[in-house]
Amino acid sequence: MFSIKIQPRFQETDALAHINNTVIPVWFESARPGIFEIFNPEQNLDKWNLIIAKIEVNYIAQIHYKHEVEIRTHVSKIGRSSLNILQEVWQEGKRVAWGECVMVKFDYSTNSSSAINDNEREQLEVHLVDKEQLLALS
């Protein structure tokens, strides 16, 4: 698991004084560098090789401005050229949101997917979790 902590910013609140629902995907992206480094260690944009094919966010409870959040990032599935990244938002000891995205290893020169190699797969497997089992925990 990769983990980062974020202090919510005032600008991320909505009219009801909660963290706006559009903020969570941004937080998720900011918590994916560990995954990015597996595929592109220098994170060189000229050699970028990942794209998002799908993203889903599930809101469980209100997220508040004054309390730090922890974003936990896991791998829930590894395919031939794609992987599912499962991410959770925790605040004050409770999971308040979770989401999953499908990322595809992509070759921009051929405009097509490319296979996850053995080295990448081995590094991803370290972070592999059982989605159902993880989400059953609270």
N, C-alpha and C. Protein backbone atom coordinates (compact mmCIF):
# COMPACT_ATOMS: atom_id res chain seq x y z
N MET A 1 0.84 -1.18 0.00
CA MET A 1 0.00 0.00 0.00
C MET A 1 0.88 1.23 0.00
N PHE A 2 0.46 2.22 -0.77
CA PHE A 2 1.06 3.54 -0.73
C PHE A 2 0.12 4.41 0.11
N SER A 3 0.66 5.36 0.83
CA SER A 3 -0.17 6.22 1.68
C SER A 3 0.39 7.63 1.69
N ILE A 4 -0.51 8.60 1.56
CA ILE A 4 -0.12 10.00 1.74
C ILE A 4 -1.16 10.68 2.63
N LYS A 5 -0.74 11.75 3.27
CA LYS A 5 -1.67 12.54 4.09
C LYS A 5 -1.84 13.90 3.44
N ILE A 6 -3.07 14.38 3.49
CA ILE A 6 -3.42 15.66 2.88
C ILE A 6 -4.20 16.47 3.90
N GLN A 7 -3.84 17.73 4.03
CA GLN A 7 -4.64 18.65 4.84
C GLN A 7 -5.60 19.34 3.88
N PRO A 8 -6.91 19.07 4.01
CA PRO A 8 -7.86 19.72 3.11
C PRO A 8 -7.73 21.24 3.16
N ARG A 9 -7.86 21.83 2.00
CA ARG A 9 -7.75 23.29 1.89
C ARG A 9 -9.14 23.91 1.89
N PHE A 10 -9.22 25.12 2.40
CA PHE A 10 -10.49 25.84 2.46
C PHE A 10 -11.15 25.91 1.08
N GLN A 11 -10.36 26.13 0.04
CA GLN A 11 -10.91 26.24 -1.32
C GLN A 11 -11.56 24.95 -1.80
N GLU A 12 -11.32 23.84 -1.13
CA GLU A 12 -11.90 22.56 -1.55
C GLU A 12 -13.28 22.31 -0.94
N THR A 13 -13.76 23.24 -0.15
CA THR A 13 -15.07 23.08 0.47
C THR A 13 -16.18 23.55 -0.47
N ASP A 14 -17.39 23.06 -0.21
CA ASP A 14 -18.54 23.49 -0.99
C ASP A 14 -19.44 24.38 -0.12
N ALA A 15 -20.59 24.72 -0.63
CA ALA A 15 -21.50 25.63 0.08
C ALA A 15 -22.00 25.05 1.40
N LEU A 16 -21.90 23.75 1.57
CA LEU A 16 -22.35 23.10 2.80
C LEU A 16 -21.20 22.88 3.78
N ALA A 17 -20.03 23.43 3.47
CA ALA A 17 -18.84 23.33 4.30
C ALA A 17 -18.25 21.92 4.36
N HIS A 18 -18.54 21.12 3.36
CA HIS A 18 -17.92 19.80 3.21
C HIS A 18 -16.90 19.89 2.09
N ILE A 19 -16.04 18.89 2.02
CA ILE A 19 -15.13 18.81 0.88
C ILE A 19 -15.98 18.48 -0.35
N ASN A 20 -15.79 19.27 -1.39
CA ASN A 20 -16.57 19.10 -2.62
C ASN A 20 -16.29 17.74 -3.25
N ASN A 21 -17.32 17.13 -3.83
CA ASN A 21 -17.17 15.79 -4.40
C ASN A 21 -16.21 15.75 -5.59
N THR A 22 -15.93 16.89 -6.22
CA THR A 22 -15.00 16.90 -7.35
C THR A 22 -13.54 16.83 -6.90
N VAL A 23 -13.29 17.01 -5.62
CA VAL A 23 -11.93 17.04 -5.09
C VAL A 23 -11.33 15.64 -4.97
N ILE A 24 -12.15 14.66 -4.66
CA ILE A 24 -11.63 13.31 -4.38
C ILE A 24 -10.84 12.73 -5.55
N PRO A 25 -11.31 12.82 -6.80
CA PRO A 25 -10.46 12.31 -7.90
C PRO A 25 -9.11 13.01 -8.00
N VAL A 26 -9.06 14.29 -7.66
CA VAL A 26 -7.80 15.02 -7.68
C VAL A 26 -6.88 14.49 -6.58
N TRP A 27 -7.44 14.26 -5.40
CA TRP A 27 -6.64 13.68 -4.31
C TRP A 27 -6.12 12.31 -4.72
N PHE A 28 -6.99 11.51 -5.36
CA PHE A 28 -6.56 10.17 -5.79
C PHE A 28 -5.37 10.27 -6.75
N GLU A 29 -5.46 11.20 -7.70
CA GLU A 29 -4.35 11.34 -8.64
C GLU A 29 -3.06 11.73 -7.92
N SER A 30 -3.17 12.62 -6.94
CA SER A 30 -1.98 13.06 -6.21
C SER A 30 -1.37 11.94 -5.38
N ALA A 31 -2.12 10.87 -5.16
CA ALA A 31 -1.64 9.73 -4.37
C ALA A 31 -1.14 8.58 -5.23
N ARG A 32 -1.08 8.76 -6.55
CA ARG A 32 -0.64 7.67 -7.44
C ARG A 32 0.82 7.71 -7.89
N PRO A 33 1.65 8.65 -7.43
CA PRO A 33 3.05 8.64 -7.91
C PRO A 33 3.78 7.32 -7.68
N GLY A 34 3.49 6.61 -6.61
CA GLY A 34 4.14 5.32 -6.39
C GLY A 34 3.85 4.35 -7.53
N ILE A 35 2.64 4.38 -8.03
CA ILE A 35 2.27 3.55 -9.19
C ILE A 35 2.97 4.08 -10.43
N PHE A 36 2.92 5.41 -10.63
CA PHE A 36 3.56 6.01 -11.81
C PHE A 36 5.03 5.64 -11.88
N GLU A 37 5.72 5.64 -10.74
CA GLU A 37 7.16 5.36 -10.72
C GLU A 37 7.49 3.93 -11.13
N ILE A 38 6.56 3.02 -10.94
CA ILE A 38 6.79 1.64 -11.38
C ILE A 38 6.94 1.60 -12.90
N PHE A 39 6.15 2.39 -13.59
CA PHE A 39 6.15 2.39 -15.05
C PHE A 39 7.09 3.43 -15.66
N ASN A 40 7.38 4.48 -14.93
CA ASN A 40 8.19 5.57 -15.46
C ASN A 40 8.96 6.16 -14.27
N PRO A 41 10.06 5.52 -13.86
CA PRO A 41 10.76 5.90 -12.63
C PRO A 41 11.13 7.39 -12.53
N GLU A 42 11.47 8.01 -13.64
CA GLU A 42 11.83 9.43 -13.61
C GLU A 42 10.59 10.32 -13.75
N GLN A 43 9.44 9.72 -14.00
CA GLN A 43 8.19 10.44 -14.28
C GLN A 43 8.41 11.49 -15.37
N ASN A 44 9.13 11.08 -16.39
CA ASN A 44 9.43 11.91 -17.55
C ASN A 44 8.19 11.96 -18.44
N LEU A 45 7.64 13.14 -18.61
CA LEU A 45 6.42 13.28 -19.40
C LEU A 45 6.63 12.93 -20.87
N ASP A 46 7.87 13.01 -21.36
CA ASP A 46 8.14 12.61 -22.75
C ASP A 46 8.08 11.10 -22.92
N LYS A 47 8.13 10.38 -21.80
CA LYS A 47 8.08 8.91 -21.85
C LYS A 47 6.85 8.37 -21.11
N TRP A 48 5.83 9.21 -20.94
CA TRP A 48 4.65 8.80 -20.16
C TRP A 48 3.99 7.61 -20.83
N ASN A 49 3.56 6.64 -20.03
CA ASN A 49 3.05 5.41 -20.61
C ASN A 49 1.84 4.85 -19.86
N LEU A 50 1.06 5.72 -19.26
CA LEU A 50 -0.16 5.29 -18.58
C LEU A 50 -1.32 6.22 -18.96
N ILE A 51 -2.48 5.63 -19.12
CA ILE A 51 -3.69 6.44 -19.31
C ILE A 51 -4.79 5.87 -18.41
N ILE A 52 -5.76 6.70 -18.10
CA ILE A 52 -6.91 6.24 -17.33
C ILE A 52 -8.01 5.87 -18.30
N ALA A 53 -8.55 4.66 -18.15
CA ALA A 53 -9.65 4.20 -18.98
C ALA A 53 -10.99 4.35 -18.27
N LYS A 54 -10.96 4.34 -16.93
CA LYS A 54 -12.19 4.42 -16.16
C LYS A 54 -11.86 4.89 -14.75
N ILE A 55 -12.76 5.67 -14.18
CA ILE A 55 -12.61 6.07 -12.78
C ILE A 55 -13.98 6.06 -12.12
N GLU A 56 -13.99 5.59 -10.87
CA GLU A 56 -15.23 5.49 -10.09
C GLU A 56 -14.92 5.98 -8.68
N VAL A 57 -15.84 6.74 -8.11
CA VAL A 57 -15.68 7.22 -6.74
C VAL A 57 -16.96 6.91 -5.97
N ASN A 58 -16.79 6.38 -4.77
CA ASN A 58 -17.92 6.05 -3.89
C ASN A 58 -17.77 6.84 -2.61
N TYR A 59 -18.80 7.63 -2.29
CA TYR A 59 -18.77 8.47 -1.10
C TYR A 59 -19.53 7.77 0.01
N ILE A 60 -18.90 7.66 1.17
CA ILE A 60 -19.48 6.93 2.29
C ILE A 60 -19.96 7.88 3.38
N ALA A 61 -19.20 8.93 3.63
CA ALA A 61 -19.53 9.87 4.71
C ALA A 61 -19.03 11.26 4.33
N GLN A 62 -19.48 12.24 5.06
CA GLN A 62 -19.04 13.61 4.83
C GLN A 62 -17.54 13.73 5.13
N ILE A 63 -16.88 14.54 4.34
CA ILE A 63 -15.45 14.79 4.54
C ILE A 63 -15.34 16.27 4.93
N HIS A 64 -14.62 16.53 6.00
CA HIS A 64 -14.60 17.87 6.58
C HIS A 64 -13.28 18.59 6.36
N TYR A 65 -13.36 19.88 6.33
CA TYR A 65 -12.24 20.77 6.06
C TYR A 65 -11.13 20.71 7.11
N LYS A 66 -11.43 20.75 8.36
CA LYS A 66 -10.41 20.95 9.38
C LYS A 66 -9.62 19.70 9.77
N HIS A 67 -9.94 18.57 9.19
CA HIS A 67 -9.29 17.33 9.61
C HIS A 67 -8.49 16.71 8.46
N GLU A 68 -7.26 16.33 8.77
CA GLU A 68 -6.38 15.70 7.79
C GLU A 68 -7.02 14.43 7.24
N VAL A 69 -6.70 14.12 5.99
CA VAL A 69 -7.15 12.87 5.39
C VAL A 69 -5.93 12.04 4.99
N GLU A 70 -6.12 10.74 4.96
CA GLU A 70 -5.10 9.83 4.47
C GLU A 70 -5.66 9.16 3.23
N ILE A 71 -4.87 9.16 2.16
CA ILE A 71 -5.24 8.48 0.93
C ILE A 71 -4.39 7.21 0.87
N ARG A 72 -5.05 6.07 0.83
CA ARG A 72 -4.37 4.78 0.74
C ARG A 72 -4.57 4.24 -0.68
N THR A 73 -3.49 3.80 -1.28
CA THR A 73 -3.51 3.35 -2.67
C THR A 73 -3.05 1.90 -2.74
N HIS A 74 -3.88 1.08 -3.36
CA HIS A 74 -3.62 -0.36 -3.51
C HIS A 74 -3.80 -0.74 -4.98
N VAL A 75 -3.34 -1.92 -5.32
CA VAL A 75 -3.61 -2.51 -6.62
C VAL A 75 -4.61 -3.63 -6.38
N SER A 76 -5.73 -3.62 -7.11
CA SER A 76 -6.75 -4.65 -6.89
C SER A 76 -6.83 -5.67 -8.02
N LYS A 77 -6.18 -5.38 -9.15
CA LYS A 77 -6.19 -6.33 -10.27
C LYS A 77 -5.08 -5.97 -11.23
N ILE A 78 -4.42 -6.99 -11.76
CA ILE A 78 -3.38 -6.79 -12.76
C ILE A 78 -3.73 -7.63 -13.97
N GLY A 79 -3.89 -6.97 -15.10
CA GLY A 79 -4.19 -7.67 -16.35
C GLY A 79 -2.98 -7.72 -17.26
N ARG A 80 -3.21 -7.98 -18.53
CA ARG A 80 -2.11 -8.04 -19.50
C ARG A 80 -1.51 -6.66 -19.73
N SER A 81 -2.37 -5.66 -19.93
CA SER A 81 -1.88 -4.30 -20.18
C SER A 81 -2.55 -3.26 -19.27
N SER A 82 -3.41 -3.73 -18.38
CA SER A 82 -4.13 -2.79 -17.51
C SER A 82 -4.02 -3.22 -16.05
N LEU A 83 -4.34 -2.28 -15.18
CA LEU A 83 -4.39 -2.59 -13.76
C LEU A 83 -5.49 -1.76 -13.13
N ASN A 84 -6.07 -2.30 -12.08
CA ASN A 84 -7.06 -1.57 -11.30
C ASN A 84 -6.38 -1.05 -10.05
N ILE A 85 -6.58 0.23 -9.80
CA ILE A 85 -6.02 0.88 -8.62
C ILE A 85 -7.18 1.22 -7.70
N LEU A 86 -7.15 0.66 -6.51
CA LEU A 86 -8.18 0.89 -5.50
C LEU A 86 -7.63 1.90 -4.50
N GLN A 87 -8.38 2.98 -4.26
CA GLN A 87 -7.92 4.02 -3.35
C GLN A 87 -8.99 4.32 -2.32
N GLU A 88 -8.52 4.64 -1.12
CA GLU A 88 -9.43 4.94 -0.02
C GLU A 88 -9.09 6.30 0.57
N VAL A 89 -10.11 6.99 1.05
CA VAL A 89 -9.93 8.23 1.81
C VAL A 89 -10.34 7.92 3.24
N TRP A 90 -9.43 8.15 4.18
CA TRP A 90 -9.70 7.94 5.60
C TRP A 90 -9.60 9.29 6.31
N GLN A 91 -10.55 9.54 7.20
CA GLN A 91 -10.52 10.74 8.01
C GLN A 91 -11.00 10.39 9.41
N GLU A 92 -10.23 10.77 10.40
CA GLU A 92 -10.52 10.51 11.81
C GLU A 92 -10.85 9.02 12.06
N GLY A 93 -10.03 8.15 11.47
CA GLY A 93 -10.15 6.72 11.71
C GLY A 93 -11.28 6.02 10.97
N LYS A 94 -11.93 6.71 10.01
CA LYS A 94 -13.03 6.11 9.27
C LYS A 94 -12.80 6.25 7.77
N ARG A 95 -13.15 5.20 7.03
CA ARG A 95 -13.13 5.30 5.57
C ARG A 95 -14.32 6.16 5.17
N VAL A 96 -14.06 7.27 4.49
CA VAL A 96 -15.13 8.20 4.12
C VAL A 96 -15.41 8.18 2.62
N ALA A 97 -14.52 7.61 1.85
CA ALA A 97 -14.72 7.45 0.41
C ALA A 97 -13.74 6.41 -0.10
N TRP A 98 -14.08 5.83 -1.22
CA TRP A 98 -13.14 4.94 -1.89
C TRP A 98 -13.43 4.99 -3.38
N GLY A 99 -12.46 4.60 -4.14
CA GLY A 99 -12.65 4.60 -5.58
C GLY A 99 -11.71 3.63 -6.25
N GLU A 100 -12.00 3.40 -7.49
CA GLU A 100 -11.16 2.49 -8.27
C GLU A 100 -11.02 3.07 -9.67
N CYS A 101 -9.82 2.99 -10.19
CA CYS A 101 -9.62 3.41 -11.58
C CYS A 101 -8.92 2.28 -12.32
N VAL A 102 -9.17 2.25 -13.61
CA VAL A 102 -8.49 1.32 -14.49
C VAL A 102 -7.46 2.14 -15.27
N MET A 103 -6.22 1.76 -15.13
CA MET A 103 -5.15 2.40 -15.89
C MET A 103 -4.61 1.40 -16.90
N VAL A 104 -4.24 1.91 -18.05
CA VAL A 104 -3.73 1.08 -19.13
C VAL A 104 -2.32 1.54 -19.46
N LYS A 105 -1.42 0.58 -19.56
CA LYS A 105 -0.08 0.90 -20.05
C LYS A 105 -0.23 1.20 -21.54
N PHE A 106 0.26 2.35 -21.95
CA PHE A 106 -0.05 2.86 -23.28
C PHE A 106 1.20 3.32 -24.00
N ASP A 107 1.29 2.98 -25.27
CA ASP A 107 2.40 3.40 -26.13
C ASP A 107 1.87 4.48 -27.07
N TYR A 108 2.27 5.71 -26.81
CA TYR A 108 1.79 6.84 -27.61
C TYR A 108 2.31 6.79 -29.04
N SER A 109 3.45 6.13 -29.28
CA SER A 109 3.99 6.07 -30.65
C SER A 109 3.14 5.17 -31.55
N THR A 110 2.52 4.15 -30.96
CA THR A 110 1.65 3.26 -31.75
C THR A 110 0.17 3.52 -31.47
N ASN A 111 -0.08 4.38 -30.49
CA ASN A 111 -1.45 4.72 -30.09
C ASN A 111 -2.24 3.47 -29.68
N SER A 112 -1.57 2.61 -28.92
CA SER A 112 -2.22 1.37 -28.48
C SER A 112 -1.66 0.93 -27.13
N SER A 113 -2.37 0.01 -26.51
CA SER A 113 -1.91 -0.52 -25.23
C SER A 113 -0.65 -1.36 -25.44
N SER A 114 0.10 -1.51 -24.36
CA SER A 114 1.28 -2.38 -24.40
C SER A 114 1.29 -3.24 -23.13
N ALA A 115 1.93 -4.37 -23.22
CA ALA A 115 1.92 -5.33 -22.13
C ALA A 115 2.70 -4.85 -20.91
N ILE A 116 2.18 -5.15 -19.75
CA ILE A 116 2.89 -4.93 -18.50
C ILE A 116 4.01 -5.97 -18.45
N ASN A 117 5.25 -5.51 -18.26
CA ASN A 117 6.36 -6.46 -18.28
C ASN A 117 6.51 -7.15 -16.92
N ASP A 118 7.37 -8.16 -16.87
CA ASP A 118 7.54 -8.95 -15.65
C ASP A 118 8.01 -8.12 -14.46
N ASN A 119 8.92 -7.18 -14.70
CA ASN A 119 9.43 -6.33 -13.62
C ASN A 119 8.31 -5.46 -13.06
N GLU A 120 7.53 -4.85 -13.93
CA GLU A 120 6.41 -4.01 -13.50
C GLU A 120 5.39 -4.84 -12.72
N ARG A 121 5.09 -6.01 -13.26
CA ARG A 121 4.11 -6.90 -12.61
C ARG A 121 4.58 -7.29 -11.21
N GLU A 122 5.85 -7.61 -11.08
CA GLU A 122 6.40 -8.00 -9.79
C GLU A 122 6.27 -6.86 -8.77
N GLN A 123 6.55 -5.64 -9.20
CA GLN A 123 6.44 -4.48 -8.31
C GLN A 123 4.98 -4.20 -7.94
N LEU A 124 4.08 -4.38 -8.90
CA LEU A 124 2.65 -4.15 -8.63
C LEU A 124 2.11 -5.18 -7.65
N GLU A 125 2.56 -6.43 -7.78
CA GLU A 125 2.05 -7.51 -6.92
C GLU A 125 2.31 -7.25 -5.44
N VAL A 126 3.34 -6.48 -5.12
CA VAL A 126 3.63 -6.14 -3.73
C VAL A 126 2.45 -5.38 -3.11
N HIS A 127 1.70 -4.65 -3.92
CA HIS A 127 0.61 -3.79 -3.45
C HIS A 127 -0.77 -4.38 -3.75
N LEU A 128 -0.80 -5.64 -4.20
CA LEU A 128 -2.04 -6.30 -4.58
C LEU A 128 -2.87 -6.67 -3.35
N VAL A 129 -4.17 -6.31 -3.38
CA VAL A 129 -5.09 -6.63 -2.29
C VAL A 129 -6.32 -7.30 -2.86
N ASP A 130 -7.04 -7.97 -1.99
CA ASP A 130 -8.34 -8.53 -2.33
C ASP A 130 -9.37 -7.43 -2.09
N LYS A 131 -9.97 -6.94 -3.15
CA LYS A 131 -10.90 -5.80 -3.07
C LYS A 131 -12.03 -6.06 -2.10
N GLU A 132 -12.70 -7.19 -2.22
CA GLU A 132 -13.86 -7.48 -1.38
C GLU A 132 -13.46 -7.56 0.10
N GLN A 133 -12.34 -8.18 0.34
CA GLN A 133 -11.86 -8.31 1.72
C GLN A 133 -11.48 -6.95 2.30
N LEU A 134 -10.81 -6.13 1.51
CA LEU A 134 -10.40 -4.80 1.98
C LEU A 134 -11.62 -3.93 2.28
N LEU A 135 -12.58 -3.94 1.38
CA LEU A 135 -13.75 -3.07 1.56
C LEU A 135 -14.68 -3.56 2.67
N ALA A 136 -14.55 -4.82 3.06
CA ALA A 136 -15.35 -5.33 4.17
C ALA A 136 -14.85 -4.81 5.51
N LEU A 137 -13.58 -4.37 5.54
CA LEU A 137 -13.02 -3.79 6.77
C LEU A 137 -13.48 -2.34 6.90
N SER A 138 -13.69 -1.89 8.11
CA SER A 138 -14.06 -0.48 8.26
C SER A 138 -13.23 0.25 9.27
